Structures are given as C-alpha cells and as structure tokens.
Amino acid sequence: MAVKESLINDPVCGSLDDDDAIGQQLLTTGSVHINHIILPGVPITDAVAEGLDDVWNGKMKRLIYEYCSLGDLNGLITTFQRL
C-alpha cells in the first residue's frame, strides 16, 4: 500500500477530500488501470491529538492506495519517453 498525506497545514488547500471523492467515483468504473484507494478516506476526528489545528476536524489528511510496483505515472512516462 501507499499513503498519500498532505503536508500543508491548511484544511482548505491541504485537505484530500476532493481526491477521495474522485477516487471513489473512479472505483465504480471497474477499470484495472485505476490506482485504487484501499480504504475510503477517514476524516480526522481529533486534530489536536495529531498536532493539527482543530479546523482540520472532519477533513482528510491521508489516503491509502494500492501500491504500484512499477512506480508512479510520471516516472513511467519519463522512462518510456527515453526508449
């Protein structure tokens, strides 16, 4: 698995809420080419315990995806453009 985590301490710019919603929609396509979210995003319930401002409560900071053993799409494009 791979964990995508926002490093921005801003719940508007750093939240992964939109990424989660898009990922959930893509799962409905049944495509084997989509990097699947393993678990639906879980909103933060105790932001202060995680060292965040309390405005993060209800926002997502982490998403867990399946691991792609060949690397990310950008890396694959770069590699195959050289061939």
N, C-alpha and C. Protein backbone atom coordinates (compact mmCIF):
# COMPACT_ATOMS: atom_id res chain seq x y z
N MET A 1 0.83 -1.17 0.00
CA MET A 1 0.00 0.00 0.00
C MET A 1 0.87 1.24 0.00
N ALA A 2 0.31 2.33 -0.42
CA ALA A 2 0.99 3.62 -0.43
C ALA A 2 0.09 4.62 0.28
N VAL A 3 0.69 5.50 1.05
CA VAL A 3 -0.08 6.50 1.79
C VAL A 3 0.17 7.86 1.17
N LYS A 4 -0.90 8.53 0.81
CA LYS A 4 -0.80 9.90 0.31
C LYS A 4 -1.19 10.79 1.49
N GLU A 5 -0.30 11.68 1.87
CA GLU A 5 -0.57 12.55 3.01
C GLU A 5 -0.27 13.99 2.62
N SER A 6 -1.19 14.86 2.96
CA SER A 6 -0.98 16.28 2.70
C SER A 6 0.00 16.83 3.73
N LEU A 7 0.97 17.57 3.26
CA LEU A 7 1.95 18.18 4.16
C LEU A 7 1.62 19.64 4.44
N ILE A 8 0.53 20.11 3.84
CA ILE A 8 0.12 21.50 4.03
C ILE A 8 -0.81 21.59 5.22
N ASN A 9 -0.49 22.43 6.18
CA ASN A 9 -1.32 22.55 7.38
C ASN A 9 -2.42 23.58 7.14
N ASP A 10 -3.17 23.37 6.07
CA ASP A 10 -4.27 24.25 5.71
C ASP A 10 -5.42 23.36 5.24
N PRO A 11 -6.52 23.29 5.99
CA PRO A 11 -7.60 22.37 5.65
C PRO A 11 -8.29 22.69 4.33
N VAL A 12 -8.11 23.89 3.81
CA VAL A 12 -8.72 24.23 2.51
C VAL A 12 -7.82 23.73 1.39
N CYS A 13 -6.53 24.10 1.43
CA CYS A 13 -5.59 23.70 0.38
C CYS A 13 -5.03 22.30 0.59
N GLY A 14 -4.90 21.88 1.84
CA GLY A 14 -4.23 20.62 2.12
C GLY A 14 -5.14 19.43 2.28
N SER A 15 -6.43 19.65 2.35
CA SER A 15 -7.35 18.53 2.53
C SER A 15 -7.39 17.63 1.30
N LEU A 16 -7.50 16.34 1.53
CA LEU A 16 -7.58 15.37 0.44
C LEU A 16 -9.02 14.93 0.19
N ASP A 17 -9.98 15.73 0.65
CA ASP A 17 -11.39 15.40 0.48
C ASP A 17 -11.75 15.21 -0.99
N ASP A 18 -11.29 16.11 -1.86
CA ASP A 18 -11.61 16.01 -3.29
C ASP A 18 -10.95 14.77 -3.91
N ASP A 19 -9.71 14.49 -3.52
CA ASP A 19 -9.01 13.31 -4.04
C ASP A 19 -9.78 12.04 -3.68
N ASP A 20 -10.28 11.99 -2.45
CA ASP A 20 -11.04 10.83 -2.01
C ASP A 20 -12.33 10.68 -2.82
N ALA A 21 -13.03 11.77 -3.03
CA ALA A 21 -14.29 11.72 -3.78
C ALA A 21 -14.05 11.26 -5.22
N ILE A 22 -13.00 11.77 -5.84
CA ILE A 22 -12.66 11.36 -7.21
C ILE A 22 -12.27 9.88 -7.24
N GLY A 23 -11.46 9.48 -6.29
CA GLY A 23 -11.04 8.08 -6.22
C GLY A 23 -12.21 7.14 -6.05
N GLN A 24 -13.16 7.52 -5.22
CA GLN A 24 -14.34 6.68 -5.01
C GLN A 24 -15.17 6.58 -6.30
N GLN A 25 -15.27 7.67 -7.03
CA GLN A 25 -16.00 7.64 -8.30
C GLN A 25 -15.29 6.76 -9.32
N LEU A 26 -13.96 6.84 -9.38
CA LEU A 26 -13.20 6.03 -10.33
C LEU A 26 -13.33 4.54 -10.04
N LEU A 27 -13.49 4.18 -8.76
CA LEU A 27 -13.64 2.77 -8.40
C LEU A 27 -14.89 2.17 -9.05
N THR A 28 -15.89 2.98 -9.29
CA THR A 28 -17.14 2.47 -9.86
C THR A 28 -16.99 2.08 -11.33
N THR A 29 -15.88 2.48 -11.96
CA THR A 29 -15.68 2.16 -13.38
C THR A 29 -15.25 0.71 -13.58
N GLY A 30 -14.67 0.10 -12.54
CA GLY A 30 -14.20 -1.28 -12.67
C GLY A 30 -12.91 -1.42 -13.45
N SER A 31 -12.28 -0.32 -13.81
CA SER A 31 -11.04 -0.36 -14.58
C SER A 31 -9.89 -0.92 -13.75
N VAL A 32 -9.07 -1.77 -14.38
CA VAL A 32 -7.89 -2.30 -13.71
C VAL A 32 -6.73 -1.32 -13.80
N HIS A 33 -6.92 -0.22 -14.52
CA HIS A 33 -5.86 0.76 -14.71
C HIS A 33 -5.91 1.90 -13.71
N ILE A 34 -6.87 1.87 -12.82
CA ILE A 34 -7.01 2.91 -11.80
C ILE A 34 -6.25 2.49 -10.56
N ASN A 35 -5.47 3.40 -10.00
CA ASN A 35 -4.78 3.14 -8.74
C ASN A 35 -5.82 3.23 -7.63
N HIS A 36 -6.30 2.11 -7.16
CA HIS A 36 -7.43 2.05 -6.24
C HIS A 36 -7.12 2.53 -4.83
N ILE A 37 -8.06 3.23 -4.26
CA ILE A 37 -7.99 3.58 -2.85
C ILE A 37 -8.37 2.32 -2.08
N ILE A 38 -7.52 1.86 -1.18
CA ILE A 38 -7.77 0.63 -0.44
C ILE A 38 -8.90 0.83 0.57
N LEU A 39 -8.86 1.93 1.27
CA LEU A 39 -9.89 2.25 2.25
C LEU A 39 -10.47 3.61 1.92
N PRO A 40 -11.76 3.80 2.11
CA PRO A 40 -12.29 5.15 1.92
C PRO A 40 -11.59 6.11 2.90
N GLY A 41 -11.48 7.35 2.50
CA GLY A 41 -10.85 8.33 3.37
C GLY A 41 -11.56 8.44 4.70
N VAL A 42 -10.79 8.62 5.75
CA VAL A 42 -11.34 8.75 7.09
C VAL A 42 -11.06 10.17 7.58
N PRO A 43 -12.10 10.95 7.80
CA PRO A 43 -11.88 12.32 8.29
C PRO A 43 -11.25 12.31 9.68
N ILE A 44 -10.46 13.31 9.94
CA ILE A 44 -9.82 13.47 11.25
C ILE A 44 -10.88 13.80 12.29
N THR A 45 -10.82 13.10 13.41
CA THR A 45 -11.79 13.36 14.48
C THR A 45 -11.17 14.09 15.66
N ASP A 46 -9.85 14.01 15.81
CA ASP A 46 -9.18 14.70 16.91
C ASP A 46 -7.91 15.35 16.36
N ALA A 47 -8.09 16.48 15.70
CA ALA A 47 -6.98 17.16 15.04
C ALA A 47 -5.87 17.55 16.01
N VAL A 48 -6.25 18.00 17.18
CA VAL A 48 -5.25 18.45 18.16
C VAL A 48 -4.34 17.29 18.55
N ALA A 49 -4.89 16.08 18.69
CA ALA A 49 -4.08 14.90 19.03
C ALA A 49 -3.07 14.58 17.93
N GLU A 50 -3.37 14.99 16.70
CA GLU A 50 -2.45 14.75 15.58
C GLU A 50 -1.53 15.95 15.34
N GLY A 51 -1.58 16.94 16.24
CA GLY A 51 -0.72 18.10 16.11
C GLY A 51 -1.21 19.11 15.10
N LEU A 52 -2.51 19.09 14.80
CA LEU A 52 -3.10 20.00 13.82
C LEU A 52 -4.04 20.98 14.50
N ASP A 53 -4.35 22.06 13.79
CA ASP A 53 -5.36 22.98 14.28
C ASP A 53 -6.70 22.29 14.28
N ASP A 54 -7.57 22.67 15.21
CA ASP A 54 -8.87 22.00 15.32
C ASP A 54 -9.77 22.20 14.09
N VAL A 55 -9.43 23.14 13.19
CA VAL A 55 -10.21 23.32 11.97
C VAL A 55 -10.05 22.12 11.02
N TRP A 56 -9.09 21.23 11.29
CA TRP A 56 -8.90 20.02 10.50
C TRP A 56 -9.95 18.96 10.81
N ASN A 57 -10.64 19.08 11.94
CA ASN A 57 -11.65 18.09 12.28
C ASN A 57 -12.66 17.97 11.14
N GLY A 58 -12.91 16.73 10.71
CA GLY A 58 -13.84 16.48 9.61
C GLY A 58 -13.19 16.51 8.24
N LYS A 59 -11.91 16.85 8.16
CA LYS A 59 -11.18 16.88 6.89
C LYS A 59 -10.27 15.67 6.77
N MET A 60 -9.90 15.30 5.54
CA MET A 60 -9.00 14.18 5.32
C MET A 60 -7.59 14.66 5.04
N LYS A 61 -6.63 14.05 5.72
CA LYS A 61 -5.23 14.40 5.54
C LYS A 61 -4.45 13.24 4.92
N ARG A 62 -4.99 12.00 4.98
CA ARG A 62 -4.32 10.81 4.47
C ARG A 62 -5.28 9.95 3.67
N LEU A 63 -4.77 9.37 2.58
CA LEU A 63 -5.49 8.37 1.81
C LEU A 63 -4.56 7.18 1.61
N ILE A 64 -5.10 5.97 1.64
CA ILE A 64 -4.31 4.76 1.48
C ILE A 64 -4.68 4.12 0.14
N TYR A 65 -3.68 4.02 -0.72
CA TYR A 65 -3.86 3.48 -2.06
C TYR A 65 -3.17 2.13 -2.19
N GLU A 66 -3.55 1.39 -3.24
CA GLU A 66 -2.78 0.19 -3.55
C GLU A 66 -1.41 0.64 -4.03
N TYR A 67 -0.42 -0.19 -3.82
CA TYR A 67 0.94 0.12 -4.23
C TYR A 67 1.15 -0.26 -5.69
N CYS A 68 1.76 0.62 -6.45
CA CYS A 68 2.07 0.36 -7.85
C CYS A 68 3.57 0.03 -7.93
N SER A 69 3.89 -1.24 -8.14
CA SER A 69 5.29 -1.69 -8.06
C SER A 69 6.19 -1.08 -9.13
N LEU A 70 5.60 -0.59 -10.22
CA LEU A 70 6.42 -0.01 -11.27
C LEU A 70 6.63 1.48 -11.10
N GLY A 71 6.15 2.06 -10.03
CA GLY A 71 6.33 3.47 -9.77
C GLY A 71 5.13 4.30 -10.18
N ASP A 72 5.27 5.60 -10.06
CA ASP A 72 4.14 6.48 -10.38
C ASP A 72 4.07 6.75 -11.89
N LEU A 73 2.96 7.29 -12.31
CA LEU A 73 2.72 7.53 -13.73
C LEU A 73 3.76 8.48 -14.32
N ASN A 74 4.13 9.52 -13.59
CA ASN A 74 5.12 10.46 -14.09
C ASN A 74 6.46 9.76 -14.34
N GLY A 75 6.86 8.88 -13.44
CA GLY A 75 8.11 8.16 -13.60
C GLY A 75 8.07 7.22 -14.80
N LEU A 76 6.95 6.55 -15.01
CA LEU A 76 6.82 5.66 -16.17
C LEU A 76 6.87 6.42 -17.48
N ILE A 77 6.21 7.56 -17.52
CA ILE A 77 6.23 8.39 -18.74
C ILE A 77 7.66 8.83 -19.04
N THR A 78 8.36 9.29 -18.04
CA THR A 78 9.74 9.73 -18.21
C THR A 78 10.62 8.59 -18.71
N THR A 79 10.48 7.41 -18.12
CA THR A 79 11.28 6.25 -18.51
C THR A 79 11.01 5.85 -19.95
N PHE A 80 9.74 5.75 -20.31
CA PHE A 80 9.41 5.26 -21.65
C PHE A 80 9.62 6.31 -22.73
N GLN A 81 9.69 7.57 -22.38
CA GLN A 81 9.98 8.59 -23.38
C GLN A 81 11.43 8.48 -23.84
N ARG A 82 12.29 7.96 -22.98
CA ARG A 82 13.70 7.83 -23.32
C ARG A 82 13.95 6.62 -24.23
N LEU A 83 13.02 5.68 -24.28
CA LEU A 83 13.25 4.44 -25.07
C LEU A 83 13.07 4.64 -26.53
